[in-house]
Amino acid sequence: MILLIAVISISPIVAISSVHNISIQGFSFTPVGIVINQGDSVRWTNNDAVLHTSTNDQGVWNSGDLATGQSFLWPFDSIGAFAYHCIHHLT
């Protein structure tokens, strides 16, 4: 069983927003869990030779299939913890 899951935690907004990068490689998200500020964005990049997704457990976002080298960017405007997974590798 391959299980790709991770969590992003959001803290209250600060003045400058940033983009945080998550690599999908070796059938895992790296880093697995990150804390970002409200207003920041996260970019997932597929560095594997197979399709992957970044899909929120509650349906807030779904990147769709990401082929090798493709990226998906999502802005986080609300505070909370957001669990996500790859729909192809959640069994």
C-alpha atoms as a PDB file:
ATOM      1  CA  MET A   1       0.000   0.000   0.000  1.00  0.00           C
ATOM      2  CA  ILE A   2       1.318   3.426  -0.969  1.00  0.00           C
ATOM      3  CA  LEU A   3      -0.158   6.305   0.998  1.00  0.00           C
ATOM      4  CA  LEU A   4       0.730   9.872   0.044  1.00  0.00           C
ATOM      5  CA  ILE A   5      -0.661  12.291   2.624  1.00  0.00           C
ATOM      6  CA  ALA A   6       0.535  15.477   4.281  1.00  0.00           C
ATOM      7  CA  VAL A   7      -0.718  18.506   6.198  1.00  0.00           C
ATOM      8  CA  ILE A   8      -0.333  22.260   5.793  1.00  0.00           C
ATOM      9  CA  SER A   9      -1.014  24.398   8.862  1.00  0.00           C
ATOM     10  CA  ILE A  10      -1.835  28.080   8.483  1.00  0.00           C
ATOM     11  CA  SER A  11      -0.962  30.787  11.009  1.00  0.00           C
ATOM     12  CA  PRO A  12      -2.434  34.338  11.046  1.00  0.00           C
ATOM     13  CA  ILE A  13      -1.573  36.733   8.232  1.00  0.00           C
ATOM     14  CA  VAL A  14       1.656  38.703   8.082  1.00  0.00           C
ATOM     15  CA  ALA A  15       2.513  41.613   5.798  1.00  0.00           C
ATOM     16  CA  ILE A  16       4.499  39.795   3.089  1.00  0.00           C
ATOM     17  CA  SER A  17       3.209  36.687   1.341  1.00  0.00           C
ATOM     18  CA  SER A  18       5.495  33.891   0.204  1.00  0.00           C
ATOM     19  CA  VAL A  19       5.423  30.844  -2.045  1.00  0.00           C
ATOM     20  CA  HIS A  20       6.413  27.558  -0.367  1.00  0.00           C
ATOM     21  CA  ASN A  21       7.570  24.650  -2.533  1.00  0.00           C
ATOM     22  CA  ILE A  22       6.666  21.013  -2.022  1.00  0.00           C
ATOM     23  CA  SER A  23       8.327  18.337  -4.139  1.00  0.00           C
ATOM     24  CA  ILE A  24       6.485  15.168  -5.095  1.00  0.00           C
ATOM     25  CA  GLN A  25       9.247  12.612  -5.473  1.00  0.00           C
ATOM     26  CA  GLY A  26       9.781   8.986  -4.538  1.00  0.00           C
ATOM     27  CA  PHE A  27       6.010   8.702  -3.986  1.00  0.00           C
ATOM     28  CA  SER A  28       6.128  11.244  -1.141  1.00  0.00           C
ATOM     29  CA  PHE A  29       5.585  14.927  -0.458  1.00  0.00           C
ATOM     30  CA  THR A  30       8.686  16.786   0.753  1.00  0.00           C
ATOM     31  CA  PRO A  31       8.423  18.415   3.178  1.00  0.00           C
ATOM     32  CA  VAL A  32       5.563  16.358   4.619  1.00  0.00           C
ATOM     33  CA  GLY A  33       4.146  18.996   6.946  1.00  0.00           C
ATOM     34  CA  ILE A  34       4.686  22.730   6.739  1.00  0.00           C
ATOM     35  CA  VAL A  35       3.439  25.785   8.584  1.00  0.00           C
ATOM     36  CA  ILE A  36       2.769  28.822   6.432  1.00  0.00           C
ATOM     37  CA  ASN A  37       1.243  32.245   6.997  1.00  0.00           C
ATOM     38  CA  GLN A  38      -2.251  33.215   5.935  1.00  0.00           C
ATOM     39  CA  GLY A  39      -1.973  34.701   2.436  1.00  0.00           C
ATOM     40  CA  ASP A  40       0.967  32.481   1.430  1.00  0.00           C
ATOM     41  CA  SER A  41       0.790  30.062  -1.487  1.00  0.00           C
ATOM     42  CA  VAL A  42       2.081  26.528  -1.894  1.00  0.00           C
ATOM     43  CA  ARG A  43       3.521  25.141  -5.131  1.00  0.00           C
ATOM     44  CA  TRP A  44       3.606  21.367  -5.609  1.00  0.00           C
ATOM     45  CA  THR A  45       5.947  20.082  -8.320  1.00  0.00           C
ATOM     46  CA  ASN A  46       5.884  16.502  -9.582  1.00  0.00           C
ATOM     47  CA  ASN A  47       9.447  15.215  -9.814  1.00  0.00           C
ATOM     48  CA  ASP A  48       8.431  11.572 -10.311  1.00  0.00           C
ATOM     49  CA  ALA A  49       8.011   9.686 -13.589  1.00  0.00           C
ATOM     50  CA  VAL A  50       4.336   8.912 -12.822  1.00  0.00           C
ATOM     51  CA  LEU A  51       1.222  11.065 -12.450  1.00  0.00           C
ATOM     52  CA  HIS A  52       0.476  12.570  -9.041  1.00  0.00           C
ATOM     53  CA  THR A  53      -2.030  15.061  -7.626  1.00  0.00           C
ATOM     54  CA  SER A  54      -2.299  17.425  -4.698  1.00  0.00           C
ATOM     55  CA  THR A  55      -5.850  16.886  -3.497  1.00  0.00           C
ATOM     56  CA  ASN A  56      -7.299  18.342  -0.295  1.00  0.00           C
ATOM     57  CA  ASP A  57      -9.115  15.812   1.896  1.00  0.00           C
ATOM     58  CA  GLN A  58     -12.129  18.156   2.215  1.00  0.00           C
ATOM     59  CA  GLY A  59     -12.300  19.047  -1.488  1.00  0.00           C
ATOM     60  CA  VAL A  60     -10.972  22.612  -1.153  1.00  0.00           C
ATOM     61  CA  TRP A  61      -8.520  22.075  -4.034  1.00  0.00           C
ATOM     62  CA  ASN A  62      -7.504  19.420  -6.536  1.00  0.00           C
ATOM     63  CA  SER A  63      -4.560  19.954  -8.835  1.00  0.00           C
ATOM     64  CA  GLY A  64      -5.695  17.392 -11.364  1.00  0.00           C
ATOM     65  CA  ASP A  65      -3.032  15.125 -12.812  1.00  0.00           C
ATOM     66  CA  LEU A  66       0.494  16.519 -12.661  1.00  0.00           C
ATOM     67  CA  ALA A  67       2.901  14.939 -15.137  1.00  0.00           C
ATOM     68  CA  THR A  68       6.656  14.972 -14.601  1.00  0.00           C
ATOM     69  CA  GLY A  69       7.864  18.557 -14.187  1.00  0.00           C
ATOM     70  CA  GLN A  70       4.389  20.078 -13.868  1.00  0.00           C
ATOM     71  CA  SER A  71       3.439  22.298 -10.913  1.00  0.00           C
ATOM     72  CA  PHE A  72       0.278  23.443  -9.175  1.00  0.00           C
ATOM     73  CA  LEU A  73       0.010  26.641  -7.093  1.00  0.00           C
ATOM     74  CA  TRP A  74      -2.681  27.242  -4.431  1.00  0.00           C
ATOM     75  CA  PRO A  75      -3.139  30.382  -2.270  1.00  0.00           C
ATOM     76  CA  PHE A  76      -4.169  29.908   1.375  1.00  0.00           C
ATOM     77  CA  ASP A  77      -6.419  32.741   2.520  1.00  0.00           C
ATOM     78  CA  SER A  78      -7.934  31.118   5.609  1.00  0.00           C
ATOM     79  CA  ILE A  79      -6.401  29.835   8.835  1.00  0.00           C
ATOM     80  CA  GLY A  80      -6.523  26.116   9.582  1.00  0.00           C
ATOM     81  CA  ALA A  81      -4.924  22.758   8.980  1.00  0.00           C
ATOM     82  CA  PHE A  82      -5.326  21.312   5.504  1.00  0.00           C
ATOM     83  CA  ALA A  83      -4.671  17.610   4.964  1.00  0.00           C
ATOM     84  CA  TYR A  84      -4.035  16.509   1.402  1.00  0.00           C
ATOM     85  CA  HIS A  85      -3.062  13.433  -0.579  1.00  0.00           C
ATOM     86  CA  CYS A  86      -2.415  12.067  -4.054  1.00  0.00           C
ATOM     87  CA  ILE A  87      -5.621  10.520  -5.402  1.00  0.00           C
ATOM     88  CA  HIS A  88      -3.639   7.961  -7.416  1.00  0.00           C
ATOM     89  CA  HIS A  89      -1.800   6.650  -4.362  1.00  0.00           C
ATOM     90  CA  LEU A  90      -4.352   6.720  -1.569  1.00  0.00           C
ATOM     91  CA  THR A  91      -5.473   3.162  -0.926  1.00  0.00           C
END
